Amino acid sequence: MAELEFVFWYWWVLALILLVIELLAPGFFFLWMAVSGFITGCMVLLIPATSMNIQVLVFSVLSVAAIIAWKFYDKKPHRIRSPLVE
């Protein structure tokens, strides 16, 4: 049975799809997954012999780390200011 092989641009297409989803559902969640997909694609471009397991592991770890880092960074409460209320 043939092994599934991802080339670098597959990850870039996934990143683009995740960016489109982010535009439709804002909240910065899919943005960080898109960044992780782009970084994984760059890694596969530089190291094409990377196995599929390592690629998925790198994407997963980068996604989780980026989302957790964003949650820690974005702890401040959001207030919507109205121009009518000063």
N, C-alpha and C. Protein backbone atom coordinates (compact mmCIF):
# COMPACT_ATOMS: atom_id res chain seq x y z
N MET A 1 0.84 -1.17 0.00
CA MET A 1 0.00 0.00 0.00
C MET A 1 0.89 1.25 0.00
N ALA A 2 0.56 2.19 -0.84
CA ALA A 2 1.37 3.40 -0.98
C ALA A 2 1.14 4.33 0.21
N GLU A 3 2.22 4.96 0.64
CA GLU A 3 2.13 5.90 1.75
C GLU A 3 1.70 7.26 1.22
N LEU A 4 0.82 7.92 1.97
CA LEU A 4 0.37 9.26 1.62
C LEU A 4 1.53 10.23 1.76
N GLU A 5 1.78 11.02 0.73
CA GLU A 5 2.91 11.94 0.76
C GLU A 5 2.41 13.37 0.56
N PHE A 6 2.71 14.23 1.52
CA PHE A 6 2.34 15.64 1.45
C PHE A 6 3.54 16.41 0.92
N VAL A 7 3.33 17.22 -0.08
CA VAL A 7 4.37 18.14 -0.53
C VAL A 7 4.08 19.50 0.11
N PHE A 8 5.05 20.39 0.03
CA PHE A 8 4.95 21.64 0.78
C PHE A 8 3.72 22.46 0.43
N TRP A 9 3.33 22.49 -0.82
CA TRP A 9 2.22 23.37 -1.18
C TRP A 9 0.89 22.85 -0.68
N TYR A 10 0.79 21.57 -0.33
CA TYR A 10 -0.44 21.07 0.31
C TYR A 10 -0.67 21.80 1.64
N TRP A 11 0.42 22.00 2.38
CA TRP A 11 0.31 22.70 3.66
C TRP A 11 -0.06 24.17 3.44
N TRP A 12 0.47 24.76 2.37
CA TRP A 12 0.14 26.16 2.07
C TRP A 12 -1.31 26.31 1.65
N VAL A 13 -1.83 25.33 0.92
CA VAL A 13 -3.25 25.36 0.56
C VAL A 13 -4.10 25.21 1.81
N LEU A 14 -3.72 24.32 2.70
CA LEU A 14 -4.43 24.18 3.97
C LEU A 14 -4.39 25.49 4.76
N ALA A 15 -3.24 26.16 4.77
CA ALA A 15 -3.13 27.45 5.46
C ALA A 15 -4.06 28.48 4.84
N LEU A 16 -4.15 28.49 3.52
CA LEU A 16 -5.05 29.43 2.84
C LEU A 16 -6.51 29.14 3.17
N ILE A 17 -6.88 27.87 3.20
CA ILE A 17 -8.25 27.48 3.56
C ILE A 17 -8.56 27.91 5.00
N LEU A 18 -7.61 27.71 5.90
CA LEU A 18 -7.81 28.12 7.29
C LEU A 18 -7.92 29.64 7.41
N LEU A 19 -7.20 30.38 6.58
CA LEU A 19 -7.33 31.84 6.59
C LEU A 19 -8.72 32.27 6.12
N VAL A 20 -9.25 31.59 5.11
CA VAL A 20 -10.60 31.90 4.63
C VAL A 20 -11.62 31.60 5.73
N ILE A 21 -11.44 30.49 6.43
CA ILE A 21 -12.33 30.17 7.54
C ILE A 21 -12.23 31.24 8.62
N GLU A 22 -11.03 31.73 8.87
CA GLU A 22 -10.84 32.79 9.86
C GLU A 22 -11.59 34.06 9.47
N LEU A 23 -11.62 34.36 8.20
CA LEU A 23 -12.36 35.53 7.73
C LEU A 23 -13.86 35.36 7.96
N LEU A 24 -14.34 34.13 7.84
CA LEU A 24 -15.77 33.87 8.02
C LEU A 24 -16.15 33.74 9.49
N ALA A 25 -15.23 33.29 10.32
CA ALA A 25 -15.50 33.10 11.75
C ALA A 25 -14.37 33.73 12.55
N PRO A 26 -14.39 35.05 12.72
CA PRO A 26 -13.27 35.72 13.39
C PRO A 26 -13.13 35.29 14.85
N GLY A 27 -11.92 35.38 15.33
CA GLY A 27 -11.64 35.02 16.71
C GLY A 27 -10.19 34.63 16.89
N PHE A 28 -9.41 34.66 15.84
CA PHE A 28 -7.97 34.38 15.82
C PHE A 28 -7.63 32.91 16.07
N PHE A 29 -8.61 32.03 16.15
CA PHE A 29 -8.32 30.62 16.38
C PHE A 29 -7.73 29.99 15.12
N PHE A 30 -8.39 30.17 13.99
CA PHE A 30 -7.93 29.56 12.74
C PHE A 30 -6.71 30.28 12.17
N LEU A 31 -6.50 31.53 12.56
CA LEU A 31 -5.33 32.27 12.10
C LEU A 31 -4.05 31.56 12.53
N TRP A 32 -4.00 31.15 13.79
CA TRP A 32 -2.78 30.51 14.31
C TRP A 32 -2.59 29.12 13.72
N MET A 33 -3.69 28.46 13.40
CA MET A 33 -3.56 27.17 12.71
C MET A 33 -3.05 27.39 11.29
N ALA A 34 -3.48 28.48 10.63
CA ALA A 34 -2.99 28.80 9.29
C ALA A 34 -1.49 29.12 9.32
N VAL A 35 -1.07 29.86 10.32
CA VAL A 35 0.37 30.17 10.47
C VAL A 35 1.16 28.88 10.67
N SER A 36 0.62 27.97 11.46
CA SER A 36 1.28 26.69 11.69
C SER A 36 1.37 25.88 10.40
N GLY A 37 0.31 25.91 9.60
CA GLY A 37 0.33 25.21 8.31
C GLY A 37 1.36 25.80 7.37
N PHE A 38 1.47 27.13 7.36
CA PHE A 38 2.47 27.78 6.51
C PHE A 38 3.89 27.41 6.96
N ILE A 39 4.13 27.44 8.26
CA ILE A 39 5.46 27.09 8.78
C ILE A 39 5.78 25.63 8.48
N THR A 40 4.81 24.75 8.62
CA THR A 40 5.02 23.33 8.30
C THR A 40 5.34 23.17 6.82
N GLY A 41 4.64 23.91 5.97
CA GLY A 41 4.93 23.87 4.53
C GLY A 41 6.34 24.34 4.23
N CYS A 42 6.79 25.39 4.90
CA CYS A 42 8.16 25.87 4.72
C CYS A 42 9.17 24.82 5.17
N MET A 43 8.87 24.13 6.27
CA MET A 43 9.76 23.08 6.75
C MET A 43 9.86 21.95 5.72
N VAL A 44 8.71 21.57 5.13
CA VAL A 44 8.71 20.49 4.14
C VAL A 44 9.42 20.93 2.86
N LEU A 45 9.32 22.22 2.53
CA LEU A 45 10.05 22.74 1.36
C LEU A 45 11.55 22.64 1.57
N LEU A 46 12.01 22.95 2.80
CA LEU A 46 13.44 22.90 3.10
C LEU A 46 13.94 21.48 3.34
N ILE A 47 13.08 20.63 3.91
CA ILE A 47 13.46 19.24 4.22
C ILE A 47 12.40 18.33 3.60
N PRO A 48 12.49 18.05 2.29
CA PRO A 48 11.44 17.29 1.62
C PRO A 48 11.32 15.83 2.06
N ALA A 49 12.32 15.29 2.71
CA ALA A 49 12.27 13.90 3.13
C ALA A 49 11.55 13.71 4.46
N THR A 50 10.92 14.75 4.98
CA THR A 50 10.22 14.66 6.26
C THR A 50 9.02 13.73 6.13
N SER A 51 8.91 12.80 7.07
CA SER A 51 7.80 11.83 6.99
C SER A 51 6.47 12.51 7.33
N MET A 52 5.40 11.87 6.91
CA MET A 52 4.06 12.41 7.14
C MET A 52 3.77 12.52 8.64
N ASN A 53 4.23 11.55 9.42
CA ASN A 53 4.01 11.58 10.87
C ASN A 53 4.66 12.81 11.49
N ILE A 54 5.87 13.12 11.08
CA ILE A 54 6.58 14.28 11.62
C ILE A 54 5.89 15.56 11.18
N GLN A 55 5.42 15.62 9.94
CA GLN A 55 4.72 16.81 9.46
C GLN A 55 3.47 17.08 10.28
N VAL A 56 2.68 16.06 10.51
CA VAL A 56 1.44 16.23 11.30
C VAL A 56 1.78 16.59 12.74
N LEU A 57 2.83 15.98 13.28
CA LEU A 57 3.25 16.31 14.64
C LEU A 57 3.68 17.77 14.75
N VAL A 58 4.48 18.24 13.80
CA VAL A 58 4.94 19.64 13.82
C VAL A 58 3.74 20.58 13.70
N PHE A 59 2.82 20.29 12.78
CA PHE A 59 1.64 21.13 12.62
C PHE A 59 0.81 21.15 13.90
N SER A 60 0.61 20.01 14.51
CA SER A 60 -0.19 19.94 15.73
C SER A 60 0.45 20.69 16.88
N VAL A 61 1.73 20.47 17.09
CA VAL A 61 2.43 21.14 18.20
C VAL A 61 2.47 22.65 17.99
N LEU A 62 2.75 23.08 16.77
CA LEU A 62 2.77 24.53 16.49
C LEU A 62 1.39 25.14 16.67
N SER A 63 0.35 24.45 16.23
CA SER A 63 -1.02 24.97 16.37
C SER A 63 -1.40 25.13 17.83
N VAL A 64 -1.18 24.09 18.61
CA VAL A 64 -1.54 24.14 20.03
C VAL A 64 -0.72 25.20 20.75
N ALA A 65 0.58 25.25 20.49
CA ALA A 65 1.44 26.22 21.15
C ALA A 65 1.04 27.66 20.78
N ALA A 66 0.74 27.89 19.52
CA ALA A 66 0.37 29.24 19.09
C ALA A 66 -0.97 29.67 19.68
N ILE A 67 -1.92 28.76 19.74
CA ILE A 67 -3.23 29.10 20.30
C ILE A 67 -3.12 29.35 21.80
N ILE A 68 -2.36 28.54 22.51
CA ILE A 68 -2.17 28.75 23.95
C ILE A 68 -1.44 30.06 24.20
N ALA A 69 -0.40 30.34 23.40
CA ALA A 69 0.32 31.61 23.56
C ALA A 69 -0.61 32.79 23.31
N TRP A 70 -1.47 32.70 22.32
CA TRP A 70 -2.42 33.78 22.05
C TRP A 70 -3.40 33.96 23.21
N LYS A 71 -3.86 32.85 23.78
CA LYS A 71 -4.81 32.95 24.91
C LYS A 71 -4.15 33.63 26.11
N PHE A 72 -2.88 33.35 26.36
CA PHE A 72 -2.18 34.02 27.46
C PHE A 72 -1.95 35.50 27.15
N TYR A 73 -1.65 35.81 25.91
CA TYR A 73 -1.40 37.19 25.52
C TYR A 73 -2.69 38.01 25.55
N ASP A 74 -3.80 37.41 25.19
CA ASP A 74 -5.06 38.12 25.03
C ASP A 74 -5.95 37.97 26.27
N LYS A 75 -5.37 38.08 27.46
CA LYS A 75 -6.15 37.92 28.69
C LYS A 75 -6.92 39.17 29.08
N LYS A 76 -6.56 40.31 28.55
CA LYS A 76 -7.24 41.54 28.95
C LYS A 76 -8.71 41.50 28.52
N PRO A 77 -9.59 42.07 29.33
CA PRO A 77 -11.01 42.07 28.96
C PRO A 77 -11.25 43.03 27.80
N HIS A 78 -12.13 42.61 26.92
CA HIS A 78 -12.46 43.44 25.76
C HIS A 78 -13.65 44.34 26.09
N ARG A 79 -13.49 45.61 25.81
CA ARG A 79 -14.59 46.55 25.97
C ARG A 79 -14.85 47.20 24.63
N ILE A 80 -16.08 47.23 24.26
CA ILE A 80 -16.45 47.89 23.01
C ILE A 80 -16.83 49.31 23.35
N ARG A 81 -16.13 50.25 22.80
CA ARG A 81 -16.40 51.66 23.07
C ARG A 81 -17.36 52.20 22.04
N SER A 82 -18.34 52.86 22.52
CA SER A 82 -19.31 53.51 21.66
C SER A 82 -18.91 54.97 21.50
N PRO A 83 -18.98 55.50 20.29
CA PRO A 83 -18.64 56.92 20.14
C PRO A 83 -19.66 57.83 20.81
N LEU A 84 -20.82 57.29 21.14
CA LEU A 84 -21.86 58.11 21.78
C LEU A 84 -21.65 58.21 23.29
N VAL A 85 -20.96 57.22 23.86
CA VAL A 85 -20.75 57.21 25.32
C VAL A 85 -19.28 57.51 25.57
N GLU A 86 -19.01 58.58 26.24
CA GLU A 86 -17.62 58.95 26.53
C GLU A 86 -17.33 58.83 27.99
